[in-house]
């Protein structure tokens, strides 16, 4: 079959060859609408970049790493498939390979080695531990890196996040609009920015809320709800700081004889697949994970093609998705 040329891609997209070339090479200085047009043209024509030739010119590996949590933390996490999908959506049309790496003994050191030796051009870090030294090491070495979520302590690193405090405030306002009188929250881990921000945003709207701590896992949602109904049996509205925890918490309410939402309204956070498997389906705060992951990939490619570009933060706005639980 005849190889599709870059000129054909440019013609289908309605742009110049130079613009098509900048998109293929991952340059960030392209208007978003033109970028999408070129990416659609790449998909429709079946264009395949000449990786070997491009690598000779750019001296890049045309591969990026996506560093994921260890298998224990990945178990049941509804976000990760969306993260991979969002990153892939950006890099695949450009001929950039995505290397998935799970945190484990030596994994972070291997990622550092791959970056230093040119086997990877950059890395996206997902679910980093607050004490993890790797982000700081990458910054110090001047290597391209993007963080999923803001760092716990300020540092000059590019990150992509959702406005966590605003999202928690949406949940609080929803429970207040339902005339809930005894409101509580099951938090995320308080050694993480997301856990801290969601609690702060909720308490800003409901200062007298009952607070019970969880850790974003389904099992912690079970334990926290059992504790909550013992401590506060008249609770009638609960913000659970992740859909996965809510997935564990709602059956506890059912087993205690409480109906959702008639007796207790429940609002989650994430709008993940866990929201749709809850019974009833979960009212929740949506963070656009796939779009956020795509932005992480774009920001990483920007750093790779423009090494002196400054660190930036990109914060998406949340929205409330009303379903049956409250």
Protein backbone atom coordinates (compact mmCIF):
# COMPACT_ATOMS: atom_id res chain seq x y z
CA UNK A 1 0.00 0.00 0.00
CA UNK A 2 1.13 3.52 -0.75
CA UNK A 3 2.41 5.31 2.34
CA UNK A 4 0.31 8.30 3.38
CA UNK A 5 2.41 11.46 3.32
CA UNK A 6 2.40 14.43 5.63
CA UNK A 7 1.27 16.56 2.68
CA UNK A 8 -1.89 14.45 2.39
CA UNK A 9 -2.56 14.84 6.11
CA UNK A 10 -2.18 18.62 5.76
CA UNK A 11 -4.56 18.67 2.77
CA UNK A 12 -7.26 16.66 4.59
CA UNK A 13 -6.90 18.84 7.69
CA UNK A 14 -6.96 22.05 5.68
CA UNK A 15 -3.68 23.33 7.13
CA UNK A 16 -0.18 23.96 5.88
CA UNK A 17 2.43 21.20 5.86
CA UNK A 18 4.39 23.17 8.46
CA UNK A 19 1.41 23.20 10.84
CA UNK A 20 0.83 19.46 10.33
CA UNK A 21 4.53 18.86 11.00
CA UNK A 22 4.43 20.84 14.25
CA UNK A 23 1.46 18.79 15.47
CA UNK A 24 3.14 15.50 14.55
CA UNK A 25 6.30 16.60 16.39
CA UNK A 26 4.34 17.53 19.52
CA UNK A 27 4.87 21.30 19.43
CA UNK A 28 2.57 23.18 21.80
CA UNK A 29 2.51 26.40 19.73
CA UNK A 30 -0.43 25.23 17.60
CA UNK A 31 -3.99 26.46 17.95
CA UNK A 32 -6.14 23.81 19.65
CA UNK A 33 -8.69 23.67 16.81
CA UNK A 34 -5.91 23.16 14.24
CA UNK A 35 -4.34 20.47 16.44
CA UNK A 36 -7.62 18.57 16.59
CA UNK A 37 -8.07 18.93 12.81
CA UNK A 38 -4.62 17.44 12.16
CA UNK A 39 -5.19 14.62 14.66
CA UNK A 40 -8.51 13.76 12.96
CA UNK A 41 -6.76 13.77 9.59
CA UNK A 42 -4.04 11.47 10.92
CA UNK A 43 -6.71 9.03 12.13
CA UNK A 44 -8.79 9.16 8.95
CA UNK A 45 -5.86 8.79 6.54
CA UNK A 46 -3.98 6.19 8.56
CA UNK A 47 -0.83 8.29 8.51
CA UNK A 48 2.14 6.74 10.32
CA UNK A 49 5.03 9.01 11.26
CA UNK A 50 8.47 7.83 10.20
CA UNK A 51 9.73 7.26 13.73
CA UNK A 52 13.27 6.34 12.75
CA UNK A 53 13.74 9.44 10.60
CA UNK A 54 12.17 11.69 13.19
CA UNK A 55 14.35 10.30 15.96
CA UNK A 56 17.46 11.06 13.94
CA UNK A 57 16.38 14.69 13.66
CA UNK A 58 14.96 15.23 17.15
CA UNK A 59 17.29 12.87 19.07
CA UNK A 60 14.26 11.69 21.01
CA UNK A 61 13.05 8.19 21.86
CA UNK A 62 9.42 8.99 20.96
CA UNK A 63 8.34 7.18 24.11
CA UNK A 64 6.93 8.46 27.40
CA UNK A 65 6.32 6.70 30.68
CA UNK A 66 3.11 6.59 32.70
CA UNK A 67 4.07 5.69 36.26
CA UNK A 68 1.04 4.11 37.96
CA UNK A 69 0.42 3.00 41.57
CA UNK A 70 1.43 -0.45 42.70
CA UNK A 71 -0.95 -3.35 42.06
CA UNK A 72 -2.45 -3.11 45.56
CA UNK A 73 -3.51 0.49 45.05
CA UNK A 74 -4.62 -0.16 41.46
CA UNK A 75 -7.06 -2.85 42.59
CA UNK A 76 -10.55 -1.50 42.02
CA UNK A 77 -9.37 2.00 41.08
CA UNK A 78 -11.91 3.18 38.48
CA UNK A 79 -9.70 6.09 37.31
CA UNK A 80 -6.76 4.33 35.78
CA UNK A 81 -8.40 3.10 32.57
CA UNK A 82 -9.58 6.66 31.91
CA UNK A 83 -6.08 8.03 32.55
CA UNK A 84 -4.54 5.58 30.08
CA UNK A 85 -7.28 6.35 27.54
CA UNK A 86 -6.77 10.11 27.81
CA UNK A 87 -2.99 9.93 27.44
CA UNK A 88 -3.24 7.47 24.55
CA UNK A 89 -5.70 9.73 22.74
CA UNK A 90 -2.99 12.39 22.46
CA UNK A 91 0.20 10.40 21.91
CA UNK A 92 -0.95 7.61 19.58
CA UNK A 93 -1.68 9.82 16.54
CA UNK A 94 1.80 11.32 16.96
CA UNK A 95 3.55 7.96 16.91
CA UNK A 96 4.71 8.34 20.51
CA UNK A 97 4.84 5.09 22.46
CA UNK A 98 3.29 4.90 25.92
CA UNK A 99 5.17 2.77 28.44
CA UNK A 100 3.11 1.73 31.48
CA UNK A 101 5.12 1.31 34.67
CA UNK A 102 3.72 0.21 38.04
CA UNK A 103 5.29 1.45 41.24
CA UNK A 104 7.33 -1.24 42.92
CA UNK A 105 10.85 -1.99 44.12
CA UNK A 106 13.26 -0.27 41.76
CA UNK A 107 10.57 1.02 39.38
CA UNK A 108 11.13 4.72 40.05
CA UNK A 109 14.88 4.24 39.80
CA UNK A 110 14.35 2.48 36.47
CA UNK A 111 12.22 5.39 35.23
CA UNK A 112 14.96 7.83 36.22
CA UNK A 113 17.55 5.71 34.42
CA UNK A 114 15.40 5.46 31.27
CA UNK A 115 15.00 9.24 31.21
CA UNK A 116 18.68 9.95 31.77
CA UNK A 117 19.74 7.42 29.13
CA UNK A 118 17.24 8.63 26.53
CA UNK A 119 15.02 5.54 26.50
CA UNK A 120 12.10 7.72 27.63
CA UNK A 121 11.52 11.37 26.74
CA UNK A 122 9.42 12.18 29.80
CA UNK A 123 7.13 10.72 32.45
CA UNK A 124 3.68 11.32 33.92
CA UNK A 125 3.45 10.52 37.63
CA UNK A 126 0.10 9.25 38.95
CA UNK A 127 -0.72 8.80 42.65
CA UNK A 128 2.67 9.77 44.01
CA UNK A 129 3.30 9.33 47.72
CA UNK A 130 3.69 12.69 49.51
CA UNK A 131 7.18 11.63 50.64
CA UNK A 132 8.22 10.41 47.19
CA UNK A 133 11.58 12.02 46.27
CA UNK A 134 11.25 11.33 42.51
CA UNK A 135 9.39 14.54 41.51
CA UNK A 136 12.08 16.63 43.16
CA UNK A 137 14.84 14.54 41.59
CA UNK A 138 13.33 14.95 38.12
CA UNK A 139 13.02 18.71 38.59
CA UNK A 140 16.61 18.96 39.80
CA UNK A 141 17.81 16.97 36.79
CA UNK A 142 15.80 19.14 34.39
CA UNK A 143 13.90 16.14 33.01
CA UNK A 144 10.36 16.42 31.57
CA UNK A 145 7.72 15.43 34.13
CA UNK A 146 4.02 16.09 34.75
CA UNK A 147 2.22 15.33 37.98
CA UNK A 148 -1.39 14.13 38.22
CA UNK A 149 -2.73 16.45 40.93
CA UNK A 150 -1.06 19.29 42.74
CA UNK A 151 1.95 18.45 44.92
CA UNK A 152 1.54 18.52 48.69
CA UNK A 153 4.28 21.12 49.01
CA UNK A 154 4.87 23.89 46.44
CA UNK A 155 7.51 22.99 43.85
CA UNK A 156 8.28 24.11 40.28
CA UNK A 157 6.57 21.18 38.57
CA UNK A 158 3.83 21.08 35.94
CA UNK A 159 0.64 19.47 37.20
CA UNK A 160 -2.96 18.95 36.11
CA UNK A 161 -5.77 18.83 38.65
CA UNK A 162 -9.44 19.55 39.23
CA UNK A 163 -10.62 22.32 41.55
CA UNK A 164 -11.08 20.00 44.51
CA UNK A 165 -12.38 22.61 46.97
CA UNK A 166 -14.98 23.87 44.50
CA UNK A 167 -16.11 20.31 43.85
CA UNK A 168 -16.60 19.59 47.54
CA UNK A 169 -18.53 22.85 47.87
CA UNK A 170 -20.87 21.64 45.09
CA UNK A 171 -21.53 18.49 47.12
CA UNK A 172 -22.23 20.52 50.26
CA UNK A 173 -24.64 22.83 48.46
CA UNK A 174 -26.47 19.84 47.02
CA UNK A 175 -27.04 18.33 50.47
CA UNK A 176 -28.18 21.69 51.85
CA UNK A 177 -30.59 22.11 48.93
CA UNK A 178 -32.15 18.77 49.89
CA UNK A 179 -32.88 20.21 53.37
CA UNK A 180 -30.56 17.75 55.13
CA UNK A 181 -30.28 18.66 58.80
CA UNK A 182 -27.52 16.36 60.10
CA UNK A 183 -24.75 16.41 57.55
CA UNK A 184 -21.50 14.43 57.62
CA UNK A 185 -18.54 13.68 55.39
CA UNK A 186 -16.30 10.68 54.89
CA UNK A 187 -12.95 12.15 53.91
CA UNK A 188 -10.04 11.00 51.80
CA UNK A 189 -6.56 10.54 53.31
CA UNK A 190 -5.42 13.75 54.97
CA UNK A 191 -1.80 13.35 53.89
CA UNK A 192 -2.83 13.97 50.26
CA UNK A 193 -3.76 17.28 48.59
CA UNK A 194 -7.02 15.86 47.23
CA UNK A 195 -8.07 14.58 50.65
CA UNK A 196 -7.21 17.89 52.32
CA UNK A 197 -8.84 20.09 49.68
CA UNK A 198 -12.09 18.13 49.52
CA UNK A 199 -12.47 18.34 53.30
CA UNK A 200 -11.63 22.06 53.35
CA UNK A 201 -14.08 22.85 50.57
CA UNK A 202 -16.87 20.93 52.28
CA UNK A 203 -16.31 22.43 55.74
CA UNK A 204 -16.26 25.92 54.24
CA UNK A 205 -19.94 25.34 53.37
CA UNK A 206 -20.93 23.10 56.32
CA UNK A 207 -18.67 24.07 59.26
CA UNK A 208 -20.53 21.87 61.75
CA UNK A 209 -20.41 18.70 59.64
CA UNK A 210 -19.52 15.44 61.35
CA UNK A 211 -16.15 14.23 60.00
CA UNK A 212 -15.11 10.59 59.66
CA UNK A 213 -11.91 9.65 57.87
CA UNK A 214 -11.37 7.20 55.03
CA UNK A 215 -8.60 6.60 52.50
CA UNK A 216 -10.39 6.57 49.09
CA UNK A 217 -10.76 2.75 49.08
CA UNK A 218 -14.06 0.86 49.06
CA UNK A 219 -13.24 -0.94 52.31
CA UNK A 220 -12.53 2.33 54.11
CA UNK A 221 -15.96 3.53 52.97
CA UNK A 222 -17.52 0.50 54.64
CA UNK A 223 -15.64 1.03 57.92
CA UNK A 224 -16.22 4.79 57.97
CA UNK A 225 -19.97 4.49 57.40
CA UNK A 226 -20.27 1.85 60.13
CA UNK A 227 -18.47 4.24 62.48
CA UNK A 228 -20.59 7.20 61.35
CA UNK A 229 -23.99 5.65 62.00
CA UNK A 230 -22.87 4.53 65.45
CA UNK A 231 -21.57 8.01 66.26
CA UNK A 232 -24.36 9.96 64.55
CA UNK A 233 -27.48 7.78 64.11
CA UNK A 234 -29.61 10.74 62.97
CA UNK A 235 -27.36 11.57 59.99
CA UNK A 236 -29.44 12.37 56.90
CA UNK A 237 -26.87 13.66 54.39
CA UNK A 238 -23.35 12.40 53.65
CA UNK A 239 -20.65 13.64 51.30
CA UNK A 240 -18.34 10.71 50.60
CA UNK A 241 -15.10 12.03 49.15
CA UNK A 242 -14.75 9.36 46.46
CA UNK A 243 -17.22 7.25 44.50
CA UNK A 244 -15.33 4.11 45.42
CA UNK A 245 -15.78 4.81 49.14
CA UNK A 246 -19.46 5.62 48.53
CA UNK A 247 -19.76 2.27 46.76
CA UNK A 248 -18.76 0.65 50.04
CA UNK A 249 -20.71 3.02 52.28
CA UNK A 250 -24.19 2.80 50.73
CA UNK A 251 -24.72 -0.94 51.39
CA UNK A 252 -23.91 -0.26 55.07
CA UNK A 253 -26.82 2.19 55.17
CA UNK A 254 -29.10 -0.39 53.54
CA UNK A 255 -28.10 -3.07 56.03
CA UNK A 256 -28.85 -0.68 58.90
CA UNK A 257 -32.42 -0.25 57.60
CA UNK A 258 -31.85 3.22 56.12
CA UNK A 259 -33.07 3.99 52.60
CA UNK A 260 -31.00 6.06 50.16
CA UNK A 261 -31.98 8.81 49.48
CA UNK A 262 -35.24 8.78 51.48
CA UNK A 263 -33.53 8.53 54.87
CA UNK A 264 -29.95 9.49 53.98
CA UNK A 265 -28.85 11.40 50.89
CA UNK A 266 -25.39 10.49 49.60
CA UNK A 267 -23.14 12.50 47.26
CA UNK A 268 -19.82 11.19 45.96
CA UNK A 269 -16.84 12.64 44.14
CA UNK A 270 -15.23 11.62 40.80
CA UNK A 271 -18.09 10.48 38.53
CA UNK A 272 -16.21 7.25 37.93
CA UNK A 273 -17.64 3.88 36.91
CA UNK A 274 -18.21 3.20 40.62
CA UNK A 275 -20.98 5.85 40.58
CA UNK A 276 -22.95 3.79 38.05
CA UNK A 277 -22.55 0.49 39.90
CA UNK A 278 -23.89 1.93 43.15
CA UNK A 279 -27.48 1.10 44.11
CA UNK A 280 -29.03 3.57 43.71
CA UNK A 281 -26.82 5.27 41.12
CA UNK A 282 -24.71 7.91 42.76
CA UNK A 283 -25.12 11.67 42.63
CA UNK A 284 -21.54 12.85 42.42
CA UNK A 285 -19.08 15.60 41.59
CA UNK A 286 -17.53 15.01 38.18
CA UNK A 287 -13.88 15.52 37.45
CA UNK A 288 -13.16 15.02 33.71
CA UNK A 289 -10.43 12.42 34.14
CA UNK A 290 -9.99 11.55 30.45
CA UNK A 291 -9.67 15.22 29.46
CA UNK A 292 -7.30 15.86 32.37
CA UNK A 293 -5.11 12.93 31.32
CA UNK A 294 -5.04 14.20 27.75
CA UNK A 295 -3.87 17.57 29.06
CA UNK A 296 -1.12 15.86 31.07
CA UNK A 297 0.12 14.29 27.83
CA UNK A 298 0.02 17.63 26.00
CA UNK A 299 1.91 19.35 28.79
CA UNK A 300 4.55 16.62 28.81
CA UNK A 301 5.00 16.88 25.04
CA UNK A 302 5.34 20.66 25.43
CA UNK A 303 8.19 20.16 27.87
CA UNK A 304 9.86 17.63 25.61
CA UNK A 305 9.75 19.88 22.55
CA UNK A 306 10.37 23.11 24.46
CA UNK A 307 12.80 22.15 27.26
CA UNK A 308 13.03 25.67 28.68
CA UNK A 309 9.29 26.17 28.98
CA UNK A 310 8.16 27.11 32.51
CA UNK A 311 6.21 24.84 34.84
CA UNK A 312 2.47 25.47 34.70
CA UNK A 313 -0.62 24.30 36.55
CA UNK A 314 -3.80 23.44 34.66
CA UNK A 315 -6.91 23.21 36.85
CA UNK A 316 -10.22 21.91 35.48
CA UNK A 317 -13.57 22.93 36.92
CA UNK A 318 -15.83 20.25 38.42
CA UNK A 319 -19.56 19.83 37.87
CA UNK A 320 -22.39 18.14 39.75
CA UNK A 321 -24.02 15.06 38.21
CA UNK A 322 -27.40 14.43 39.81
CA UNK A 323 -28.60 10.82 39.88
CA UNK A 324 -30.68 8.83 42.36
CA UNK A 325 -28.76 8.84 45.64
CA UNK A 326 -29.34 12.45 46.62
